[in-house]
Amino acid sequence: MVDGDTYLTRPSVLAYIQRGGTPSRFARILATRMGIATVDALLEDASNVLVVWRHNRVQVADGAQLDPPADPSGETLGHVHRITFT
């Protein structure tokens, strides 16, 4: 929409537009907690870790102990895992 010589804009969150819904309270809280855990791990100089939701809580998992994900379409995900955690 154009109003004279200016454009009227509004922000949108693409991820939720693609999913087709408004984020739930749980999704907002989970994203916040995972963000906090990520920053804490960075401040502790952690490396080779992954922030995950496991056993109903946010945890920082050791990347070396994670199994590579199953990749039914080939070796792509296993290759990414080897690059990332080795």
N, C-alpha and C. Protein backbone atom coordinates (compact mmCIF):
# COMPACT_ATOMS: atom_id res chain seq x y z
N MET A 1 0.83 -1.16 0.00
CA MET A 1 0.00 0.00 0.00
C MET A 1 0.88 1.24 0.00
N VAL A 2 0.54 2.20 -0.79
CA VAL A 2 1.30 3.44 -0.86
C VAL A 2 0.41 4.58 -0.40
N ASP A 3 0.93 5.42 0.48
CA ASP A 3 0.20 6.58 0.99
C ASP A 3 1.00 7.81 0.60
N GLY A 4 0.64 8.44 -0.50
CA GLY A 4 1.44 9.57 -1.00
C GLY A 4 2.77 9.06 -1.49
N ASP A 5 3.86 9.59 -0.89
CA ASP A 5 5.20 9.17 -1.27
C ASP A 5 5.81 8.19 -0.28
N THR A 6 5.03 7.70 0.69
CA THR A 6 5.58 6.78 1.68
C THR A 6 4.92 5.41 1.54
N TYR A 7 5.63 4.40 1.98
CA TYR A 7 5.10 3.04 1.99
C TYR A 7 4.66 2.71 3.41
N LEU A 8 3.51 2.12 3.55
CA LEU A 8 3.03 1.66 4.84
C LEU A 8 3.46 0.21 4.98
N THR A 9 4.12 -0.12 6.08
CA THR A 9 4.60 -1.48 6.28
C THR A 9 4.16 -1.98 7.63
N ARG A 10 4.25 -3.27 7.80
CA ARG A 10 4.02 -3.88 9.10
C ARG A 10 4.88 -5.13 9.17
N PRO A 11 5.37 -5.48 10.36
CA PRO A 11 6.23 -6.66 10.48
C PRO A 11 5.43 -7.95 10.41
N SER A 12 6.10 -9.01 9.99
CA SER A 12 5.48 -10.33 10.01
C SER A 12 6.56 -11.36 10.36
N VAL A 13 6.16 -12.42 11.01
CA VAL A 13 7.06 -13.50 11.37
C VAL A 13 6.85 -14.61 10.34
N LEU A 14 7.80 -14.74 9.43
CA LEU A 14 7.65 -15.65 8.30
C LEU A 14 7.41 -17.10 8.75
N ALA A 15 8.12 -17.55 9.76
CA ALA A 15 7.99 -18.95 10.18
C ALA A 15 6.56 -19.29 10.55
N TYR A 16 5.90 -18.39 11.24
CA TYR A 16 4.53 -18.69 11.66
C TYR A 16 3.54 -18.49 10.51
N ILE A 17 3.88 -17.64 9.57
CA ILE A 17 3.03 -17.53 8.39
C ILE A 17 3.10 -18.83 7.60
N GLN A 18 4.30 -19.40 7.47
CA GLN A 18 4.46 -20.65 6.74
C GLN A 18 3.72 -21.79 7.45
N ARG A 19 3.75 -21.80 8.77
CA ARG A 19 3.06 -22.84 9.51
C ARG A 19 1.57 -22.58 9.58
N GLY A 20 1.17 -21.35 9.36
CA GLY A 20 -0.24 -21.04 9.30
C GLY A 20 -0.89 -20.80 10.63
N GLY A 21 -0.15 -20.34 11.62
CA GLY A 21 -0.80 -20.12 12.90
C GLY A 21 -0.05 -19.13 13.76
N THR A 22 -0.74 -18.67 14.77
CA THR A 22 -0.14 -17.78 15.77
C THR A 22 0.62 -18.65 16.77
N PRO A 23 1.81 -18.22 17.21
CA PRO A 23 2.55 -19.03 18.17
C PRO A 23 1.77 -19.18 19.48
N SER A 24 1.79 -20.38 20.01
CA SER A 24 1.13 -20.63 21.28
C SER A 24 1.97 -20.08 22.43
N ARG A 25 1.37 -20.03 23.59
CA ARG A 25 2.11 -19.58 24.78
C ARG A 25 3.30 -20.51 25.01
N PHE A 26 3.09 -21.82 24.84
CA PHE A 26 4.18 -22.78 25.02
C PHE A 26 5.32 -22.50 24.04
N ALA A 27 5.00 -22.25 22.77
CA ALA A 27 6.03 -22.00 21.76
C ALA A 27 6.84 -20.75 22.09
N ARG A 28 6.17 -19.71 22.56
CA ARG A 28 6.88 -18.48 22.93
C ARG A 28 7.80 -18.70 24.13
N ILE A 29 7.30 -19.40 25.14
CA ILE A 29 8.12 -19.65 26.33
C ILE A 29 9.28 -20.58 26.00
N LEU A 30 9.02 -21.62 25.19
CA LEU A 30 10.08 -22.54 24.80
C LEU A 30 11.18 -21.81 24.03
N ALA A 31 10.80 -20.96 23.08
CA ALA A 31 11.79 -20.22 22.31
C ALA A 31 12.62 -19.32 23.22
N THR A 32 11.98 -18.69 24.18
CA THR A 32 12.70 -17.83 25.12
C THR A 32 13.68 -18.64 25.95
N ARG A 33 13.23 -19.76 26.49
CA ARG A 33 14.11 -20.60 27.32
C ARG A 33 15.27 -21.18 26.52
N MET A 34 15.00 -21.59 25.27
CA MET A 34 16.08 -22.12 24.44
C MET A 34 17.08 -21.01 24.08
N GLY A 35 16.58 -19.81 23.87
CA GLY A 35 17.47 -18.68 23.61
C GLY A 35 18.36 -18.38 24.80
N ILE A 36 17.79 -18.41 26.00
CA ILE A 36 18.56 -18.16 27.21
C ILE A 36 19.63 -19.25 27.39
N ALA A 37 19.24 -20.52 27.17
CA ALA A 37 20.21 -21.62 27.30
C ALA A 37 21.33 -21.48 26.29
N THR A 38 21.01 -21.03 25.10
CA THR A 38 22.02 -20.83 24.06
C THR A 38 23.01 -19.75 24.46
N VAL A 39 22.50 -18.62 24.94
CA VAL A 39 23.38 -17.53 25.36
C VAL A 39 24.23 -17.97 26.54
N ASP A 40 23.64 -18.67 27.51
CA ASP A 40 24.42 -19.18 28.65
C ASP A 40 25.54 -20.09 28.19
N ALA A 41 25.26 -20.98 27.22
CA ALA A 41 26.29 -21.88 26.70
C ALA A 41 27.40 -21.09 26.01
N LEU A 42 27.03 -20.06 25.27
CA LEU A 42 28.04 -19.22 24.62
C LEU A 42 28.90 -18.50 25.64
N LEU A 43 28.28 -17.98 26.69
CA LEU A 43 29.03 -17.26 27.73
C LEU A 43 29.96 -18.19 28.50
N GLU A 44 29.62 -19.48 28.53
CA GLU A 44 30.48 -20.47 29.20
C GLU A 44 31.51 -21.06 28.24
N ASP A 45 31.60 -20.49 27.03
CA ASP A 45 32.52 -20.98 25.99
C ASP A 45 32.31 -22.44 25.65
N ALA A 46 31.08 -22.91 25.74
CA ALA A 46 30.78 -24.29 25.38
C ALA A 46 30.93 -24.46 23.87
N SER A 47 31.42 -25.60 23.47
CA SER A 47 31.51 -25.90 22.04
C SER A 47 31.01 -27.32 21.83
N ASN A 48 30.64 -27.61 20.59
CA ASN A 48 30.14 -28.93 20.23
C ASN A 48 28.92 -29.32 21.07
N VAL A 49 28.02 -28.35 21.28
CA VAL A 49 26.80 -28.60 22.05
C VAL A 49 25.58 -28.19 21.23
N LEU A 50 24.44 -28.68 21.65
CA LEU A 50 23.19 -28.39 20.98
C LEU A 50 22.12 -28.17 22.05
N VAL A 51 21.38 -27.08 21.95
CA VAL A 51 20.30 -26.82 22.88
C VAL A 51 19.08 -27.60 22.39
N VAL A 52 18.53 -28.45 23.26
CA VAL A 52 17.45 -29.35 22.87
C VAL A 52 16.32 -29.33 23.89
N TRP A 53 15.13 -29.78 23.46
CA TRP A 53 14.01 -30.03 24.36
C TRP A 53 13.96 -31.54 24.58
N ARG A 54 14.30 -31.97 25.78
CA ARG A 54 14.37 -33.40 26.07
C ARG A 54 13.88 -33.65 27.49
N HIS A 55 13.09 -34.68 27.68
CA HIS A 55 12.54 -35.02 28.99
C HIS A 55 11.76 -33.84 29.59
N ASN A 56 11.01 -33.17 28.74
CA ASN A 56 10.15 -32.05 29.14
C ASN A 56 10.91 -30.86 29.74
N ARG A 57 12.11 -30.65 29.27
CA ARG A 57 12.85 -29.45 29.70
C ARG A 57 13.94 -29.12 28.69
N VAL A 58 14.41 -27.89 28.74
CA VAL A 58 15.49 -27.43 27.86
C VAL A 58 16.80 -27.93 28.44
N GLN A 59 17.62 -28.53 27.59
CA GLN A 59 18.91 -29.04 28.02
C GLN A 59 19.98 -28.66 26.99
N VAL A 60 21.21 -28.62 27.44
CA VAL A 60 22.34 -28.43 26.54
C VAL A 60 22.99 -29.79 26.39
N ALA A 61 22.89 -30.37 25.19
CA ALA A 61 23.38 -31.73 24.93
C ALA A 61 24.77 -31.68 24.32
N ASP A 62 25.59 -32.63 24.70
CA ASP A 62 26.93 -32.78 24.13
C ASP A 62 26.78 -33.34 22.72
N GLY A 63 27.24 -32.60 21.74
CA GLY A 63 27.10 -33.00 20.34
C GLY A 63 27.80 -34.30 20.01
N ALA A 64 28.89 -34.60 20.70
CA ALA A 64 29.63 -35.82 20.41
C ALA A 64 28.85 -37.06 20.82
N GLN A 65 27.91 -36.92 21.75
CA GLN A 65 27.14 -38.07 22.22
C GLN A 65 25.83 -38.27 21.46
N LEU A 66 25.51 -37.37 20.56
CA LEU A 66 24.27 -37.48 19.80
C LEU A 66 24.45 -38.45 18.64
N ASP A 67 23.45 -39.27 18.42
CA ASP A 67 23.46 -40.16 17.27
C ASP A 67 23.14 -39.36 16.03
N PRO A 68 23.75 -39.68 14.90
CA PRO A 68 23.36 -38.99 13.68
C PRO A 68 21.91 -39.33 13.35
N PRO A 69 21.16 -38.38 12.85
CA PRO A 69 19.76 -38.67 12.53
C PRO A 69 19.64 -39.64 11.36
N ALA A 70 18.55 -40.37 11.35
CA ALA A 70 18.30 -41.27 10.22
C ALA A 70 18.04 -40.45 8.98
N ASP A 71 18.58 -40.88 7.86
CA ASP A 71 18.41 -40.15 6.61
C ASP A 71 17.92 -41.11 5.54
N PRO A 72 16.61 -41.26 5.40
CA PRO A 72 16.10 -42.23 4.43
C PRO A 72 16.39 -41.85 2.99
N SER A 73 16.74 -40.59 2.72
CA SER A 73 16.95 -40.17 1.34
C SER A 73 18.42 -40.25 0.92
N GLY A 74 19.29 -40.71 1.76
CA GLY A 74 20.70 -40.79 1.40
C GLY A 74 21.57 -40.52 2.61
N GLU A 75 22.72 -39.94 2.38
CA GLU A 75 23.67 -39.70 3.46
C GLU A 75 23.78 -38.22 3.82
N THR A 76 22.88 -37.39 3.37
CA THR A 76 23.00 -35.95 3.57
C THR A 76 23.08 -35.56 5.04
N LEU A 77 22.11 -36.01 5.85
CA LEU A 77 22.10 -35.61 7.25
C LEU A 77 23.28 -36.20 8.01
N GLY A 78 23.67 -37.43 7.69
CA GLY A 78 24.84 -38.02 8.31
C GLY A 78 26.10 -37.23 7.98
N HIS A 79 26.19 -36.76 6.74
CA HIS A 79 27.32 -35.94 6.32
C HIS A 79 27.35 -34.62 7.09
N VAL A 80 26.21 -33.99 7.22
CA VAL A 80 26.12 -32.74 7.99
C VAL A 80 26.52 -32.99 9.44
N HIS A 81 26.07 -34.10 10.01
CA HIS A 81 26.43 -34.44 11.40
C HIS A 81 27.94 -34.61 11.53
N ARG A 82 28.56 -35.31 10.58
CA ARG A 82 30.02 -35.50 10.65
C ARG A 82 30.76 -34.18 10.55
N ILE A 83 30.32 -33.28 9.68
CA ILE A 83 30.96 -31.98 9.53
C ILE A 83 30.80 -31.16 10.80
N THR A 84 29.62 -31.20 11.38
CA THR A 84 29.31 -30.36 12.52
C THR A 84 29.96 -30.84 13.80
N PHE A 85 29.97 -32.15 14.05
CA PHE A 85 30.40 -32.66 15.35
C PHE A 85 31.71 -33.42 15.33
N THR A 86 32.50 -33.28 14.27
CA THR A 86 33.82 -33.91 14.28
C THR A 86 34.90 -32.93 13.99
